[in-house]
Amino acid sequence: MPKQTKVLCIITSFNLDDSKKIDYKEGKEYRAEIIGDDVLVEDESGHMYLAGHSAIEAVRLGIQEKENGRWDDWFNEHFRFLD
């Protein structure tokens, strides 16, 4: 069962397919769910998308080299948990 939470975006993130479209705006709160090793965050369109893996999983998948926190580098650079 997913754990419901909220995150604060600390760096604006643009869509990979359309560089003019903002997925997450700096300073805005978003609904998030933690499901196992993954964090899904609701984007500006209202859809839930994978925004991060646990650091352990990110290392296992080869996404990053070191475990340096609970979540992977990209997530830690863009979000902070609010609760």
C-alpha atoms as a PDB file:
ATOM      1  CA  MET A   1       0.000   0.000   0.000  1.00  0.00           C
ATOM      2  CA  PRO A   2       1.464   3.408  -0.961  1.00  0.00           C
ATOM      3  CA  LYS A   3       2.417   5.893   1.726  1.00  0.00           C
ATOM      4  CA  GLN A   4       0.864   9.279   0.946  1.00  0.00           C
ATOM      5  CA  THR A   5       3.067  12.317   1.525  1.00  0.00           C
ATOM      6  CA  LYS A   6       3.903  15.778   0.151  1.00  0.00           C
ATOM      7  CA  VAL A   7       7.098  17.164  -1.323  1.00  0.00           C
ATOM      8  CA  LEU A   8       8.364  20.670  -1.990  1.00  0.00           C
ATOM      9  CA  CYS A   9      10.030  21.294  -5.343  1.00  0.00           C
ATOM     10  CA  ILE A  10      13.338  23.127  -4.841  1.00  0.00           C
ATOM     11  CA  ILE A  11      14.476  23.265  -8.494  1.00  0.00           C
ATOM     12  CA  THR A  12      12.159  23.653 -11.503  1.00  0.00           C
ATOM     13  CA  SER A  13      12.192  20.587 -13.746  1.00  0.00           C
ATOM     14  CA  PHE A  14      11.369  20.752 -17.448  1.00  0.00           C
ATOM     15  CA  ASN A  15       9.841  17.930 -19.465  1.00  0.00           C
ATOM     16  CA  LEU A  16      12.354  15.765 -21.332  1.00  0.00           C
ATOM     17  CA  ASP A  17      10.151  15.543 -24.438  1.00  0.00           C
ATOM     18  CA  ASP A  18       9.117  19.217 -24.536  1.00  0.00           C
ATOM     19  CA  SER A  19      11.712  21.581 -23.055  1.00  0.00           C
ATOM     20  CA  LYS A  20       9.140  24.399 -22.838  1.00  0.00           C
ATOM     21  CA  LYS A  21       6.811  22.372 -20.605  1.00  0.00           C
ATOM     22  CA  ILE A  22       7.422  22.512 -16.839  1.00  0.00           C
ATOM     23  CA  ASP A  23       6.846  19.261 -14.945  1.00  0.00           C
ATOM     24  CA  TYR A  24       7.626  20.624 -11.450  1.00  0.00           C
ATOM     25  CA  LYS A  25       7.863  24.296 -10.379  1.00  0.00           C
ATOM     26  CA  GLU A  26      10.324  25.546  -7.777  1.00  0.00           C
ATOM     27  CA  GLY A  27       8.575  26.520  -4.542  1.00  0.00           C
ATOM     28  CA  LYS A  28       5.425  24.490  -5.211  1.00  0.00           C
ATOM     29  CA  GLU A  29       4.144  21.587  -3.092  1.00  0.00           C
ATOM     30  CA  TYR A  30       3.178  18.323  -4.793  1.00  0.00           C
ATOM     31  CA  ARG A  31       1.360  15.196  -3.709  1.00  0.00           C
ATOM     32  CA  ALA A  32       3.639  12.164  -3.575  1.00  0.00           C
ATOM     33  CA  GLU A  33       3.450   8.419  -2.888  1.00  0.00           C
ATOM     34  CA  ILE A  34       6.160   6.101  -1.653  1.00  0.00           C
ATOM     35  CA  ILE A  35       5.750   2.613  -3.063  1.00  0.00           C
ATOM     36  CA  GLY A  36       8.526   0.232  -2.058  1.00  0.00           C
ATOM     37  CA  ASP A  37      11.799   1.694  -3.375  1.00  0.00           C
ATOM     38  CA  ASP A  38      10.090   4.313  -5.542  1.00  0.00           C
ATOM     39  CA  VAL A  39       8.742   7.827  -5.066  1.00  0.00           C
ATOM     40  CA  LEU A  40       5.993   8.970  -7.414  1.00  0.00           C
ATOM     41  CA  VAL A  41       5.173  12.686  -7.562  1.00  0.00           C
ATOM     42  CA  GLU A  42       2.134  14.341  -9.121  1.00  0.00           C
ATOM     43  CA  ASP A  43       3.327  16.681 -11.878  1.00  0.00           C
ATOM     44  CA  GLU A  44       1.777  19.894 -13.220  1.00  0.00           C
ATOM     45  CA  SER A  45      -0.596  17.887 -15.440  1.00  0.00           C
ATOM     46  CA  GLY A  46      -1.975  16.044 -12.392  1.00  0.00           C
ATOM     47  CA  HIS A  47      -0.497  12.650 -13.262  1.00  0.00           C
ATOM     48  CA  MET A  48       1.679  10.616 -10.883  1.00  0.00           C
ATOM     49  CA  TYR A  49       5.140   9.843 -12.269  1.00  0.00           C
ATOM     50  CA  LEU A  50       8.213   8.067 -10.962  1.00  0.00           C
ATOM     51  CA  ALA A  51      10.466  10.796  -9.563  1.00  0.00           C
ATOM     52  CA  GLY A  52      13.005   8.791  -7.614  1.00  0.00           C
ATOM     53  CA  HIS A  53      14.357   5.467  -6.389  1.00  0.00           C
ATOM     54  CA  SER A  54      15.804   4.690  -2.979  1.00  0.00           C
ATOM     55  CA  ALA A  55      19.563   5.281  -2.968  1.00  0.00           C
ATOM     56  CA  ILE A  56      20.185   1.541  -2.531  1.00  0.00           C
ATOM     57  CA  GLU A  57      18.030   0.761  -5.582  1.00  0.00           C
ATOM     58  CA  ALA A  58      19.658   3.552  -7.623  1.00  0.00           C
ATOM     59  CA  VAL A  59      23.091   2.020  -6.983  1.00  0.00           C
ATOM     60  CA  ARG A  60      21.795  -1.466  -7.794  1.00  0.00           C
ATOM     61  CA  LEU A  61      20.325  -0.215 -11.086  1.00  0.00           C
ATOM     62  CA  GLY A  62      23.529   1.651 -11.968  1.00  0.00           C
ATOM     63  CA  ILE A  63      21.808   5.050 -11.882  1.00  0.00           C
ATOM     64  CA  GLN A  64      24.407   6.365  -9.447  1.00  0.00           C
ATOM     65  CA  GLU A  65      27.631   5.081  -7.933  1.00  0.00           C
ATOM     66  CA  LYS A  66      27.203   5.816  -4.215  1.00  0.00           C
ATOM     67  CA  GLU A  67      24.440   5.673  -1.662  1.00  0.00           C
ATOM     68  CA  ASN A  68      24.372   9.207  -0.329  1.00  0.00           C
ATOM     69  CA  GLY A  69      20.990   9.480   1.285  1.00  0.00           C
ATOM     70  CA  ARG A  70      17.655   7.750   1.398  1.00  0.00           C
ATOM     71  CA  TRP A  71      16.725   8.689  -2.203  1.00  0.00           C
ATOM     72  CA  ASP A  72      18.634   9.016  -5.443  1.00  0.00           C
ATOM     73  CA  ASP A  73      20.584  12.120  -6.454  1.00  0.00           C
ATOM     74  CA  TRP A  74      18.006  13.504  -8.932  1.00  0.00           C
ATOM     75  CA  PHE A  75      15.187  13.320  -6.399  1.00  0.00           C
ATOM     76  CA  ASN A  76      17.319  14.902  -3.649  1.00  0.00           C
ATOM     77  CA  GLU A  77      18.314  17.759  -5.991  1.00  0.00           C
ATOM     78  CA  HIS A  78      14.694  18.552  -6.915  1.00  0.00           C
ATOM     79  CA  PHE A  79      12.522  17.793  -3.859  1.00  0.00           C
ATOM     80  CA  ARG A  80      12.286  17.893  -0.065  1.00  0.00           C
ATOM     81  CA  PHE A  81       9.738  15.904   1.914  1.00  0.00           C
ATOM     82  CA  LEU A  82       7.334  18.093   3.897  1.00  0.00           C
ATOM     83  CA  ASP A  83       6.362  15.474   6.497  1.00  0.00           C
END
